[in-house]
mmCIF file of all heavy atoms, coordinates in Angstrom:
data_MODEL
# 
_entry.id   MODEL 
# 
loop_
_atom_site.group_PDB 
_atom_site.id 
_atom_site.type_symbol 
_atom_site.label_atom_id 
_atom_site.label_alt_id 
_atom_site.label_comp_id 
_atom_site.label_asym_id 
_atom_site.label_entity_id 
_atom_site.label_seq_id 
_atom_site.pdbx_PDB_ins_code 
_atom_site.Cartn_x 
_atom_site.Cartn_y 
_atom_site.Cartn_z 
_atom_site.occupancy 
_atom_site.B_iso_or_equiv 
_atom_site.pdbx_formal_charge 
_atom_site.auth_seq_id 
_atom_site.auth_comp_id 
_atom_site.auth_asym_id 
_atom_site.auth_atom_id 
_atom_site.pdbx_PDB_model_num 
ATOM 1   N N   . TYR A 1 1  ? 180.413 133.404 72.225 1.00 0.00 ? 1  TYR A N   1 
ATOM 2   C CA  . TYR A 1 1  ? 181.688 132.974 71.673 1.00 0.00 ? 1  TYR A CA  1 
ATOM 3   C C   . TYR A 1 1  ? 182.300 134.089 70.857 1.00 0.00 ? 1  TYR A C   1 
ATOM 4   O O   . TYR A 1 1  ? 181.603 135.036 70.469 1.00 0.00 ? 1  TYR A O   1 
ATOM 5   C CB  . TYR A 1 1  ? 181.478 131.721 70.804 1.00 0.00 ? 1  TYR A CB  1 
ATOM 6   C CG  . TYR A 1 1  ? 180.533 131.925 69.633 1.00 0.00 ? 1  TYR A CG  1 
ATOM 7   C CD1 . TYR A 1 1  ? 181.024 132.280 68.384 1.00 0.00 ? 1  TYR A CD1 1 
ATOM 8   C CD2 . TYR A 1 1  ? 179.117 131.780 69.797 1.00 0.00 ? 1  TYR A CD2 1 
ATOM 9   C CE1 . TYR A 1 1  ? 180.187 132.490 67.329 1.00 0.00 ? 1  TYR A CE1 1 
ATOM 10  C CE2 . TYR A 1 1  ? 178.309 132.018 68.773 1.00 0.00 ? 1  TYR A CE2 1 
ATOM 11  C CZ  . TYR A 1 1  ? 178.820 132.371 67.504 1.00 0.00 ? 1  TYR A CZ  1 
ATOM 12  O OH  . TYR A 1 1  ? 177.955 132.592 66.488 1.00 0.00 ? 1  TYR A OH  1 
ATOM 13  N N   . ILE A 1 2  ? 183.586 134.037 70.632 1.00 0.00 ? 2  ILE A N   1 
ATOM 14  C CA  . ILE A 1 2  ? 184.252 135.003 69.749 1.00 0.00 ? 2  ILE A CA  1 
ATOM 15  C C   . ILE A 1 2  ? 184.366 134.348 68.383 1.00 0.00 ? 2  ILE A C   1 
ATOM 16  O O   . ILE A 1 2  ? 184.944 133.315 68.197 1.00 0.00 ? 2  ILE A O   1 
ATOM 17  C CB  . ILE A 1 2  ? 185.638 135.390 70.311 1.00 0.00 ? 2  ILE A CB  1 
ATOM 18  C CG1 . ILE A 1 2  ? 185.447 136.031 71.709 1.00 0.00 ? 2  ILE A CG1 1 
ATOM 19  C CG2 . ILE A 1 2  ? 186.360 136.316 69.394 1.00 0.00 ? 2  ILE A CG2 1 
ATOM 20  C CD1 . ILE A 1 2  ? 186.703 136.427 72.381 1.00 0.00 ? 2  ILE A CD1 1 
ATOM 21  N N   . ASP A 1 3  ? 183.707 135.003 67.420 1.00 0.00 ? 3  ASP A N   1 
ATOM 22  C CA  . ASP A 1 3  ? 183.542 134.413 66.109 1.00 0.00 ? 3  ASP A CA  1 
ATOM 23  C C   . ASP A 1 3  ? 184.865 134.046 65.386 1.00 0.00 ? 3  ASP A C   1 
ATOM 24  O O   . ASP A 1 3  ? 184.924 133.032 64.745 1.00 0.00 ? 3  ASP A O   1 
ATOM 25  C CB  . ASP A 1 3  ? 182.779 135.419 65.264 1.00 0.00 ? 3  ASP A CB  1 
ATOM 26  C CG  . ASP A 1 3  ? 182.195 134.822 63.990 1.00 0.00 ? 3  ASP A CG  1 
ATOM 27  O OD1 . ASP A 1 3  ? 181.950 133.613 64.017 1.00 0.00 ? 3  ASP A OD1 1 
ATOM 28  O OD2 . ASP A 1 3  ? 181.947 135.568 63.028 1.00 0.00 ? 3  ASP A OD2 1 
ATOM 29  N N   . THR A 1 4  ? 185.883 134.826 65.599 1.00 0.00 ? 4  THR A N   1 
ATOM 30  C CA  . THR A 1 4  ? 187.153 134.586 64.858 1.00 0.00 ? 4  THR A CA  1 
ATOM 31  C C   . THR A 1 4  ? 188.037 133.564 65.625 1.00 0.00 ? 4  THR A C   1 
ATOM 32  O O   . THR A 1 4  ? 189.025 133.120 65.050 1.00 0.00 ? 4  THR A O   1 
ATOM 33  C CB  . THR A 1 4  ? 187.953 135.908 64.672 1.00 0.00 ? 4  THR A CB  1 
ATOM 34  O OG1 . THR A 1 4  ? 188.110 136.528 66.004 1.00 0.00 ? 4  THR A OG1 1 
ATOM 35  C CG2 . THR A 1 4  ? 187.187 136.838 63.772 1.00 0.00 ? 4  THR A CG2 1 
ATOM 36  N N   . ILE A 1 5  ? 187.718 133.230 66.870 1.00 0.00 ? 5  ILE A N   1 
ATOM 37  C CA  . ILE A 1 5  ? 188.574 132.314 67.619 1.00 0.00 ? 5  ILE A CA  1 
ATOM 38  C C   . ILE A 1 5  ? 187.918 130.962 67.862 1.00 0.00 ? 5  ILE A C   1 
ATOM 39  O O   . ILE A 1 5  ? 188.582 129.967 67.744 1.00 0.00 ? 5  ILE A O   1 
ATOM 40  C CB  . ILE A 1 5  ? 188.910 132.972 69.028 1.00 0.00 ? 5  ILE A CB  1 
ATOM 41  C CG1 . ILE A 1 5  ? 189.629 134.279 68.815 1.00 0.00 ? 5  ILE A CG1 1 
ATOM 42  C CG2 . ILE A 1 5  ? 189.743 132.030 69.863 1.00 0.00 ? 5  ILE A CG2 1 
ATOM 43  C CD1 . ILE A 1 5  ? 189.904 135.046 70.099 1.00 0.00 ? 5  ILE A CD1 1 
ATOM 44  N N   . ALA A 1 6  ? 186.626 130.914 68.176 1.00 0.00 ? 6  ALA A N   1 
ATOM 45  C CA  . ALA A 1 6  ? 185.951 129.676 68.497 1.00 0.00 ? 6  ALA A CA  1 
ATOM 46  C C   . ALA A 1 6  ? 185.798 128.752 67.252 1.00 0.00 ? 6  ALA A C   1 
ATOM 47  O O   . ALA A 1 6  ? 185.659 129.250 66.140 1.00 0.00 ? 6  ALA A O   1 
ATOM 48  C CB  . ALA A 1 6  ? 184.555 129.957 69.097 1.00 0.00 ? 6  ALA A CB  1 
ATOM 49  N N   . ASN A 1 7  ? 185.838 127.470 67.520 1.00 0.00 ? 7  ASN A N   1 
ATOM 50  C CA  . ASN A 1 7  ? 185.685 126.514 66.468 1.00 0.00 ? 7  ASN A CA  1 
ATOM 51  C C   . ASN A 1 7  ? 184.231 126.456 66.032 1.00 0.00 ? 7  ASN A C   1 
ATOM 52  O O   . ASN A 1 7  ? 183.338 126.209 66.850 1.00 0.00 ? 7  ASN A O   1 
ATOM 53  C CB  . ASN A 1 7  ? 186.061 125.118 66.994 1.00 0.00 ? 7  ASN A CB  1 
ATOM 54  C CG  . ASN A 1 7  ? 186.048 124.043 65.916 1.00 0.00 ? 7  ASN A CG  1 
ATOM 55  O OD1 . ASN A 1 7  ? 185.524 124.208 64.867 1.00 0.00 ? 7  ASN A OD1 1 
ATOM 56  N ND2 . ASN A 1 7  ? 186.684 122.899 66.250 1.00 0.00 ? 7  ASN A ND2 1 
ATOM 57  N N   . PRO A 1 8  ? 183.940 126.783 64.767 1.00 0.00 ? 8  PRO A N   1 
ATOM 58  C CA  . PRO A 1 8  ? 182.559 126.816 64.269 1.00 0.00 ? 8  PRO A CA  1 
ATOM 59  C C   . PRO A 1 8  ? 181.766 125.497 64.437 1.00 0.00 ? 8  PRO A C   1 
ATOM 60  O O   . PRO A 1 8  ? 180.567 125.498 64.702 1.00 0.00 ? 8  PRO A O   1 
ATOM 61  C CB  . PRO A 1 8  ? 182.643 127.190 62.792 1.00 0.00 ? 8  PRO A CB  1 
ATOM 62  C CG  . PRO A 1 8  ? 184.026 127.635 62.588 1.00 0.00 ? 8  PRO A CG  1 
ATOM 63  C CD  . PRO A 1 8  ? 184.891 127.120 63.693 1.00 0.00 ? 8  PRO A CD  1 
ATOM 64  N N   . LYS A 1 9  ? 182.475 124.334 64.377 1.00 0.00 ? 9  LYS A N   1 
ATOM 65  C CA  . LYS A 1 9  ? 181.830 123.068 64.566 1.00 0.00 ? 9  LYS A CA  1 
ATOM 66  C C   . LYS A 1 9  ? 181.321 122.925 65.981 1.00 0.00 ? 9  LYS A C   1 
ATOM 67  O O   . LYS A 1 9  ? 180.264 122.376 66.230 1.00 0.00 ? 9  LYS A O   1 
ATOM 68  C CB  . LYS A 1 9  ? 182.784 121.937 64.199 1.00 0.00 ? 9  LYS A CB  1 
ATOM 69  C CG  . LYS A 1 9  ? 183.103 121.876 62.724 1.00 0.00 ? 9  LYS A CG  1 
ATOM 70  C CD  . LYS A 1 9  ? 184.087 120.824 62.425 1.00 0.00 ? 9  LYS A CD  1 
ATOM 71  C CE  . LYS A 1 9  ? 184.451 120.775 60.961 1.00 0.00 ? 9  LYS A CE  1 
ATOM 72  N NZ  . LYS A 1 9  ? 185.498 119.772 60.602 1.00 0.00 ? 9  LYS A NZ  1 
ATOM 73  N N   . VAL A 1 10 ? 182.161 123.359 66.924 1.00 0.00 ? 10 VAL A N   1 
ATOM 74  C CA  . VAL A 1 10 ? 181.727 123.296 68.350 1.00 0.00 ? 10 VAL A CA  1 
ATOM 75  C C   . VAL A 1 10 ? 180.521 124.146 68.607 1.00 0.00 ? 10 VAL A C   1 
ATOM 76  O O   . VAL A 1 10 ? 179.570 123.776 69.291 1.00 0.00 ? 10 VAL A O   1 
ATOM 77  C CB  . VAL A 1 10 ? 182.923 123.670 69.286 1.00 0.00 ? 10 VAL A CB  1 
ATOM 78  C CG1 . VAL A 1 10 ? 182.464 123.759 70.740 1.00 0.00 ? 10 VAL A CG1 1 
ATOM 79  C CG2 . VAL A 1 10 ? 184.081 122.668 69.154 1.00 0.00 ? 10 VAL A CG2 1 
ATOM 80  N N   . VAL A 1 11 ? 180.563 125.354 68.053 1.00 0.00 ? 11 VAL A N   1 
ATOM 81  C CA  . VAL A 1 11 ? 179.438 126.353 68.247 1.00 0.00 ? 11 VAL A CA  1 
ATOM 82  C C   . VAL A 1 11 ? 178.162 125.728 67.646 1.00 0.00 ? 11 VAL A C   1 
ATOM 83  O O   . VAL A 1 11 ? 177.098 125.773 68.261 1.00 0.00 ? 11 VAL A O   1 
ATOM 84  C CB  . VAL A 1 11 ? 179.761 127.681 67.619 1.00 0.00 ? 11 VAL A CB  1 
ATOM 85  C CG1 . VAL A 1 11 ? 178.573 128.615 67.673 1.00 0.00 ? 11 VAL A CG1 1 
ATOM 86  C CG2 . VAL A 1 11 ? 180.964 128.313 68.296 1.00 0.00 ? 11 VAL A CG2 1 
ATOM 87  N N   . GLU A 1 12 ? 178.265 125.132 66.452 1.00 0.00 ? 12 GLU A N   1 
ATOM 88  C CA  . GLU A 1 12 ? 177.087 124.550 65.813 1.00 0.00 ? 12 GLU A CA  1 
ATOM 89  C C   . GLU A 1 12 ? 176.534 123.354 66.597 1.00 0.00 ? 12 GLU A C   1 
ATOM 90  O O   . GLU A 1 12 ? 175.332 123.199 66.714 1.00 0.00 ? 12 GLU A O   1 
ATOM 91  C CB  . GLU A 1 12 ? 177.418 124.161 64.383 1.00 0.00 ? 12 GLU A CB  1 
ATOM 92  C CG  . GLU A 1 12 ? 176.218 123.669 63.603 1.00 0.00 ? 12 GLU A CG  1 
ATOM 93  C CD  . GLU A 1 12 ? 175.062 124.678 63.553 1.00 0.00 ? 12 GLU A CD  1 
ATOM 94  O OE1 . GLU A 1 12 ? 175.284 125.882 63.453 1.00 0.00 ? 12 GLU A OE1 1 
ATOM 95  O OE2 . GLU A 1 12 ? 173.895 124.211 63.717 1.00 0.00 ? 12 GLU A OE2 1 
ATOM 96  N N   . GLU A 1 13 ? 177.439 122.556 67.144 1.00 0.00 ? 13 GLU A N   1 
ATOM 97  C CA  . GLU A 1 13 ? 177.022 121.405 67.967 1.00 0.00 ? 13 GLU A CA  1 
ATOM 98  C C   . GLU A 1 13 ? 176.280 121.842 69.203 1.00 0.00 ? 13 GLU A C   1 
ATOM 99  O O   . GLU A 1 13 ? 175.264 121.241 69.575 1.00 0.00 ? 13 GLU A O   1 
ATOM 100 C CB  . GLU A 1 13 ? 178.232 120.553 68.285 1.00 0.00 ? 13 GLU A CB  1 
ATOM 101 C CG  . GLU A 1 13 ? 177.896 119.298 69.120 1.00 0.00 ? 13 GLU A CG  1 
ATOM 102 C CD  . GLU A 1 13 ? 177.070 118.301 68.376 1.00 0.00 ? 13 GLU A CD  1 
ATOM 103 O OE1 . GLU A 1 13 ? 177.102 118.266 67.111 1.00 0.00 ? 13 GLU A OE1 1 
ATOM 104 O OE2 . GLU A 1 13 ? 176.323 117.578 69.019 1.00 0.00 ? 13 GLU A OE2 1 
ATOM 105 N N   . ILE A 1 14 ? 176.782 122.884 69.839 1.00 0.00 ? 14 ILE A N   1 
ATOM 106 C CA  . ILE A 1 14 ? 176.132 123.396 71.062 1.00 0.00 ? 14 ILE A CA  1 
ATOM 107 C C   . ILE A 1 14 ? 174.748 123.950 70.716 1.00 0.00 ? 14 ILE A C   1 
ATOM 108 O O   . ILE A 1 14 ? 173.777 123.706 71.386 1.00 0.00 ? 14 ILE A O   1 
ATOM 109 C CB  . ILE A 1 14 ? 177.019 124.471 71.775 1.00 0.00 ? 14 ILE A CB  1 
ATOM 110 C CG1 . ILE A 1 14 ? 178.262 123.769 72.358 1.00 0.00 ? 14 ILE A CG1 1 
ATOM 111 C CG2 . ILE A 1 14 ? 176.222 125.228 72.849 1.00 0.00 ? 14 ILE A CG2 1 
ATOM 112 C CD1 . ILE A 1 14 ? 179.299 124.685 72.883 1.00 0.00 ? 14 ILE A CD1 1 
ATOM 113 N N   . ARG A 1 15 ? 174.658 124.704 69.586 1.00 0.00 ? 15 ARG A N   1 
ATOM 114 C CA  . ARG A 1 15 ? 173.396 125.239 69.142 1.00 0.00 ? 15 ARG A CA  1 
ATOM 115 C C   . ARG A 1 15 ? 172.354 124.101 68.927 1.00 0.00 ? 15 ARG A C   1 
ATOM 116 O O   . ARG A 1 15 ? 171.218 124.187 69.351 1.00 0.00 ? 15 ARG A O   1 
ATOM 117 C CB  . ARG A 1 15 ? 173.547 125.968 67.813 1.00 0.00 ? 15 ARG A CB  1 
ATOM 118 C CG  . ARG A 1 15 ? 173.813 127.417 67.923 1.00 0.00 ? 15 ARG A CG  1 
ATOM 119 C CD  . ARG A 1 15 ? 173.681 128.036 66.559 1.00 0.00 ? 15 ARG A CD  1 
ATOM 120 N NE  . ARG A 1 15 ? 174.657 129.096 66.433 1.00 0.00 ? 15 ARG A NE  1 
ATOM 121 C CZ  . ARG A 1 15 ? 175.649 129.149 65.519 1.00 0.00 ? 15 ARG A CZ  1 
ATOM 122 N NH1 . ARG A 1 15 ? 175.783 128.248 64.618 1.00 0.00 ? 15 ARG A NH1 1 
ATOM 123 N NH2 . ARG A 1 15 ? 176.482 130.155 65.522 1.00 0.00 ? 15 ARG A NH2 1 
ATOM 124 N N   . SER A 1 16 ? 172.810 123.053 68.229 1.00 0.00 ? 16 SER A N   1 
ATOM 125 C CA  . SER A 1 16 ? 171.890 121.975 67.894 1.00 0.00 ? 16 SER A CA  1 
ATOM 126 C C   . SER A 1 16 ? 171.425 121.206 69.136 1.00 0.00 ? 16 SER A C   1 
ATOM 127 O O   . SER A 1 16 ? 170.296 120.778 69.249 1.00 0.00 ? 16 SER A O   1 
ATOM 128 C CB  . SER A 1 16 ? 172.532 121.028 66.887 1.00 0.00 ? 16 SER A CB  1 
ATOM 129 O OG  . SER A 1 16 ? 173.570 120.319 67.441 1.00 0.00 ? 16 SER A OG  1 
ATOM 130 N N   . ARG A 1 17 ? 172.344 121.046 70.103 1.00 0.00 ? 17 ARG A N   1 
ATOM 131 C CA  . ARG A 1 17 ? 171.975 120.320 71.372 1.00 0.00 ? 17 ARG A CA  1 
ATOM 132 C C   . ARG A 1 17 ? 170.992 121.192 72.174 1.00 0.00 ? 17 ARG A C   1 
ATOM 133 O O   . ARG A 1 17 ? 170.121 120.637 72.806 1.00 0.00 ? 17 ARG A O   1 
ATOM 134 C CB  . ARG A 1 17 ? 173.197 120.043 72.169 1.00 0.00 ? 17 ARG A CB  1 
ATOM 135 C CG  . ARG A 1 17 ? 174.058 118.925 71.570 1.00 0.00 ? 17 ARG A CG  1 
ATOM 136 C CD  . ARG A 1 17 ? 175.193 118.566 72.416 1.00 0.00 ? 17 ARG A CD  1 
ATOM 137 N NE  . ARG A 1 17 ? 176.069 117.615 71.743 1.00 0.00 ? 17 ARG A NE  1 
ATOM 138 C CZ  . ARG A 1 17 ? 176.985 116.901 72.288 1.00 0.00 ? 17 ARG A CZ  1 
ATOM 139 N NH1 . ARG A 1 17 ? 177.175 116.932 73.600 1.00 0.00 ? 17 ARG A NH1 1 
ATOM 140 N NH2 . ARG A 1 17 ? 177.717 116.037 71.620 1.00 0.00 ? 17 ARG A NH2 1 
ATOM 141 N N   . ILE A 1 18 ? 171.155 122.498 72.156 1.00 0.00 ? 18 ILE A N   1 
ATOM 142 C CA  . ILE A 1 18 ? 170.221 123.370 72.897 1.00 0.00 ? 18 ILE A CA  1 
ATOM 143 C C   . ILE A 1 18 ? 168.845 123.284 72.219 1.00 0.00 ? 18 ILE A C   1 
ATOM 144 O O   . ILE A 1 18 ? 167.810 123.266 72.906 1.00 0.00 ? 18 ILE A O   1 
ATOM 145 C CB  . ILE A 1 18 ? 170.772 124.797 72.998 1.00 0.00 ? 18 ILE A CB  1 
ATOM 146 C CG1 . ILE A 1 18 ? 171.927 124.860 73.973 1.00 0.00 ? 18 ILE A CG1 1 
ATOM 147 C CG2 . ILE A 1 18 ? 169.676 125.781 73.430 1.00 0.00 ? 18 ILE A CG2 1 
ATOM 148 C CD1 . ILE A 1 18 ? 172.605 126.168 74.076 1.00 0.00 ? 18 ILE A CD1 1 
ATOM 149 N N   . LYS A 1 19 ? 168.835 123.337 70.905 1.00 0.00 ? 19 LYS A N   1 
ATOM 150 C CA  . LYS A 1 19 ? 167.550 123.302 70.156 1.00 0.00 ? 19 LYS A CA  1 
ATOM 151 C C   . LYS A 1 19 ? 166.807 121.972 70.396 1.00 0.00 ? 19 LYS A C   1 
ATOM 152 O O   . LYS A 1 19 ? 165.580 121.939 70.294 1.00 0.00 ? 19 LYS A O   1 
ATOM 153 C CB  . LYS A 1 19 ? 167.765 123.577 68.696 1.00 0.00 ? 19 LYS A CB  1 
ATOM 154 C CG  . LYS A 1 19 ? 168.136 125.005 68.417 1.00 0.00 ? 19 LYS A CG  1 
ATOM 155 C CD  . LYS A 1 19 ? 168.458 125.194 66.922 1.00 0.00 ? 19 LYS A CD  1 
ATOM 156 C CE  . LYS A 1 19 ? 168.890 126.615 66.680 1.00 0.00 ? 19 LYS A CE  1 
ATOM 157 N NZ  . LYS A 1 19 ? 169.297 126.795 65.274 1.00 0.00 ? 19 LYS A NZ  1 
ATOM 158 N N   . ARG A 1 20 ? 167.530 120.919 70.663 1.00 0.00 ? 20 ARG A N   1 
ATOM 159 C CA  . ARG A 1 20 ? 166.840 119.587 70.849 1.00 0.00 ? 20 ARG A CA  1 
ATOM 160 C C   . ARG A 1 20 ? 166.299 119.409 72.274 1.00 0.00 ? 20 ARG A C   1 
ATOM 161 O O   . ARG A 1 20 ? 165.606 118.381 72.510 1.00 0.00 ? 20 ARG A O   1 
ATOM 162 C CB  . ARG A 1 20 ? 167.860 118.445 70.568 1.00 0.00 ? 20 ARG A CB  1 
ATOM 163 C CG  . ARG A 1 20 ? 168.157 118.241 69.129 1.00 0.00 ? 20 ARG A CG  1 
ATOM 164 C CD  . ARG A 1 20 ? 169.009 117.013 68.967 1.00 0.00 ? 20 ARG A CD  1 
ATOM 165 N NE  . ARG A 1 20 ? 170.255 117.183 69.712 1.00 0.00 ? 20 ARG A NE  1 
ATOM 166 C CZ  . ARG A 1 20 ? 171.441 116.801 69.252 1.00 0.00 ? 20 ARG A CZ  1 
ATOM 167 N NH1 . ARG A 1 20 ? 171.563 116.193 68.176 1.00 0.00 ? 20 ARG A NH1 1 
ATOM 168 N NH2 . ARG A 1 20 ? 172.494 117.020 69.980 1.00 0.00 ? 20 ARG A NH2 1 
ATOM 169 N N   . ILE A 1 21 ? 166.619 120.292 73.182 1.00 0.00 ? 21 ILE A N   1 
ATOM 170 C CA  . ILE A 1 21 ? 166.151 120.107 74.566 1.00 0.00 ? 21 ILE A CA  1 
ATOM 171 C C   . ILE A 1 21 ? 164.637 120.254 74.640 1.00 0.00 ? 21 ILE A C   1 
ATOM 172 O O   . ILE A 1 21 ? 164.070 121.246 74.171 1.00 0.00 ? 21 ILE A O   1 
ATOM 173 C CB  . ILE A 1 21 ? 166.883 121.108 75.525 1.00 0.00 ? 21 ILE A CB  1 
ATOM 174 C CG1 . ILE A 1 21 ? 168.338 120.832 75.578 1.00 0.00 ? 21 ILE A CG1 1 
ATOM 175 C CG2 . ILE A 1 21 ? 166.243 121.078 76.900 1.00 0.00 ? 21 ILE A CG2 1 
ATOM 176 C CD1 . ILE A 1 21 ? 169.129 121.864 76.336 1.00 0.00 ? 21 ILE A CD1 1 
ATOM 177 N N   . ASP A 1 22 ? 163.981 119.228 75.196 1.00 0.00 ? 22 ASP A N   1 
ATOM 178 C CA  . ASP A 1 22 ? 162.531 119.277 75.348 1.00 0.00 ? 22 ASP A CA  1 
ATOM 179 C C   . ASP A 1 22 ? 162.247 118.998 76.829 1.00 0.00 ? 22 ASP A C   1 
ATOM 180 O O   . ASP A 1 22 ? 162.225 117.838 77.256 1.00 0.00 ? 22 ASP A O   1 
ATOM 181 C CB  . ASP A 1 22 ? 161.885 118.239 74.428 1.00 0.00 ? 22 ASP A CB  1 
ATOM 182 C CG  . ASP A 1 22 ? 160.367 118.289 74.467 1.00 0.00 ? 22 ASP A CG  1 
ATOM 183 O OD1 . ASP A 1 22 ? 159.829 119.434 74.742 1.00 0.00 ? 22 ASP A OD1 1 
ATOM 184 O OD2 . ASP A 1 22 ? 159.726 117.286 74.259 1.00 0.00 ? 22 ASP A OD2 1 
ATOM 185 N N   . ILE A 1 23 ? 161.992 120.042 77.568 1.00 0.00 ? 23 ILE A N   1 
ATOM 186 C CA  . ILE A 1 23 ? 161.753 119.918 79.028 1.00 0.00 ? 23 ILE A CA  1 
ATOM 187 C C   . ILE A 1 23 ? 160.766 121.015 79.429 1.00 0.00 ? 23 ILE A C   1 
ATOM 188 O O   . ILE A 1 23 ? 160.652 122.033 78.719 1.00 0.00 ? 23 ILE A O   1 
ATOM 189 C CB  . ILE A 1 23 ? 163.059 120.025 79.822 1.00 0.00 ? 23 ILE A CB  1 
ATOM 190 C CG1 . ILE A 1 23 ? 162.913 119.677 81.297 1.00 0.00 ? 23 ILE A CG1 1 
ATOM 191 C CG2 . ILE A 1 23 ? 163.692 121.369 79.640 1.00 0.00 ? 23 ILE A CG2 1 
ATOM 192 C CD1 . ILE A 1 23 ? 164.206 119.555 82.032 1.00 0.00 ? 23 ILE A CD1 1 
ATOM 193 N N   . ASP A 1 24 ? 160.074 120.798 80.541 1.00 0.00 ? 24 ASP A N   1 
ATOM 194 C CA  . ASP A 1 24 ? 159.117 121.815 80.980 1.00 0.00 ? 24 ASP A CA  1 
ATOM 195 C C   . ASP A 1 24 ? 159.815 123.095 81.472 1.00 0.00 ? 24 ASP A C   1 
ATOM 196 O O   . ASP A 1 24 ? 159.283 124.188 81.240 1.00 0.00 ? 24 ASP A O   1 
ATOM 197 C CB  . ASP A 1 24 ? 158.295 121.233 82.121 1.00 0.00 ? 24 ASP A CB  1 
ATOM 198 C CG  . ASP A 1 24 ? 157.256 120.284 81.629 1.00 0.00 ? 24 ASP A CG  1 
ATOM 199 O OD1 . ASP A 1 24 ? 156.933 120.291 80.440 1.00 0.00 ? 24 ASP A OD1 1 
ATOM 200 O OD2 . ASP A 1 24 ? 156.767 119.433 82.434 1.00 0.00 ? 24 ASP A OD2 1 
ATOM 201 N N   . GLY A 1 25 ? 160.945 122.943 82.174 1.00 0.00 ? 25 GLY A N   1 
ATOM 202 C CA  . GLY A 1 25 ? 161.563 124.149 82.690 1.00 0.00 ? 25 GLY A CA  1 
ATOM 203 C C   . GLY A 1 25 ? 163.045 123.963 82.989 1.00 0.00 ? 25 GLY A C   1 
ATOM 204 O O   . GLY A 1 25 ? 163.499 122.888 83.403 1.00 0.00 ? 25 GLY A O   1 
ATOM 205 N N   . ILE A 1 26 ? 163.813 125.022 82.770 1.00 0.00 ? 26 ILE A N   1 
ATOM 206 C CA  . ILE A 1 26 ? 165.228 125.087 83.169 1.00 0.00 ? 26 ILE A CA  1 
ATOM 207 C C   . ILE A 1 26 ? 165.251 126.108 84.290 1.00 0.00 ? 26 ILE A C   1 
ATOM 208 O O   . ILE A 1 26 ? 164.992 127.294 84.075 1.00 0.00 ? 26 ILE A O   1 
ATOM 209 C CB  . ILE A 1 26 ? 166.082 125.564 81.998 1.00 0.00 ? 26 ILE A CB  1 
ATOM 210 C CG1 . ILE A 1 26 ? 166.036 124.568 80.809 1.00 0.00 ? 26 ILE A CG1 1 
ATOM 211 C CG2 . ILE A 1 26 ? 167.508 125.799 82.425 1.00 0.00 ? 26 ILE A CG2 1 
ATOM 212 C CD1 . ILE A 1 26 ? 166.878 123.337 81.000 1.00 0.00 ? 26 ILE A CD1 1 
ATOM 213 N N   . LEU A 1 27 ? 165.650 125.671 85.510 1.00 0.00 ? 27 LEU A N   1 
ATOM 214 C CA  . LEU A 1 27 ? 165.683 126.619 86.644 1.00 0.00 ? 27 LEU A CA  1 
ATOM 215 C C   . LEU A 1 27 ? 167.113 126.979 87.001 1.00 0.00 ? 27 LEU A C   1 
ATOM 216 O O   . LEU A 1 27 ? 167.325 127.955 87.705 1.00 0.00 ? 27 LEU A O   1 
ATOM 217 C CB  . LEU A 1 27 ? 165.011 125.932 87.845 1.00 0.00 ? 27 LEU A CB  1 
ATOM 218 C CG  . LEU A 1 27 ? 163.568 125.553 87.652 1.00 0.00 ? 27 LEU A CG  1 
ATOM 219 C CD1 . LEU A 1 27 ? 163.010 124.846 88.860 1.00 0.00 ? 27 LEU A CD1 1 
ATOM 220 C CD2 . LEU A 1 27 ? 162.728 126.754 87.288 1.00 0.00 ? 27 LEU A CD2 1 
ATOM 221 N N   . GLU A 1 28 ? 168.113 126.235 86.522 1.00 0.00 ? 28 GLU A N   1 
ATOM 222 C CA  . GLU A 1 28 ? 169.514 126.490 86.833 1.00 0.00 ? 28 GLU A CA  1 
ATOM 223 C C   . GLU A 1 28 ? 170.362 125.901 85.735 1.00 0.00 ? 28 GLU A C   1 
ATOM 224 O O   . GLU A 1 28 ? 169.908 125.070 84.974 1.00 0.00 ? 28 GLU A O   1 
ATOM 225 C CB  . GLU A 1 28 ? 169.861 125.819 88.203 1.00 0.00 ? 28 GLU A CB  1 
ATOM 226 C CG  . GLU A 1 28 ? 170.874 126.556 89.050 1.00 0.00 ? 28 GLU A CG  1 
ATOM 227 C CD  . GLU A 1 28 ? 172.300 126.151 88.712 1.00 0.00 ? 28 GLU A CD  1 
ATOM 228 O OE1 . GLU A 1 28 ? 172.492 124.996 88.313 1.00 0.00 ? 28 GLU A OE1 1 
ATOM 229 O OE2 . GLU A 1 28 ? 173.165 126.943 88.934 1.00 0.00 ? 28 GLU A OE2 1 
ATOM 230 N N   . SER A 1 29 ? 171.604 126.355 85.665 1.00 0.00 ? 29 SER A N   1 
ATOM 231 C CA  . SER A 1 29 ? 172.500 125.937 84.528 1.00 0.00 ? 29 SER A CA  1 
ATOM 232 C C   . SER A 1 29 ? 172.820 124.447 84.613 1.00 0.00 ? 29 SER A C   1 
ATOM 233 O O   . SER A 1 29 ? 173.164 123.845 83.591 1.00 0.00 ? 29 SER A O   1 
ATOM 234 C CB  . SER A 1 29 ? 173.768 126.790 84.576 1.00 0.00 ? 29 SER A CB  1 
ATOM 235 O OG  . SER A 1 29 ? 174.458 126.673 85.760 1.00 0.00 ? 29 SER A OG  1 
ATOM 236 N N   . ALA A 1 30 ? 172.691 123.832 85.802 1.00 0.00 ? 30 ALA A N   1 
ATOM 237 C CA  . ALA A 1 30 ? 172.987 122.416 85.908 1.00 0.00 ? 30 ALA A CA  1 
ATOM 238 C C   . ALA A 1 30 ? 171.980 121.562 85.144 1.00 0.00 ? 30 ALA A C   1 
ATOM 239 O O   . ALA A 1 30 ? 172.334 120.507 84.641 1.00 0.00 ? 30 ALA A O   1 
ATOM 240 C CB  . ALA A 1 30 ? 173.000 121.985 87.370 1.00 0.00 ? 30 ALA A CB  1 
# 
């Protein structure tokens, strides 16, 4: 993301959702 343009709340929400993922493997972006 571009720090001066992107909404910080959106960035933080994406970070927290990624950190909550509990799966054996991610093989593709889907």
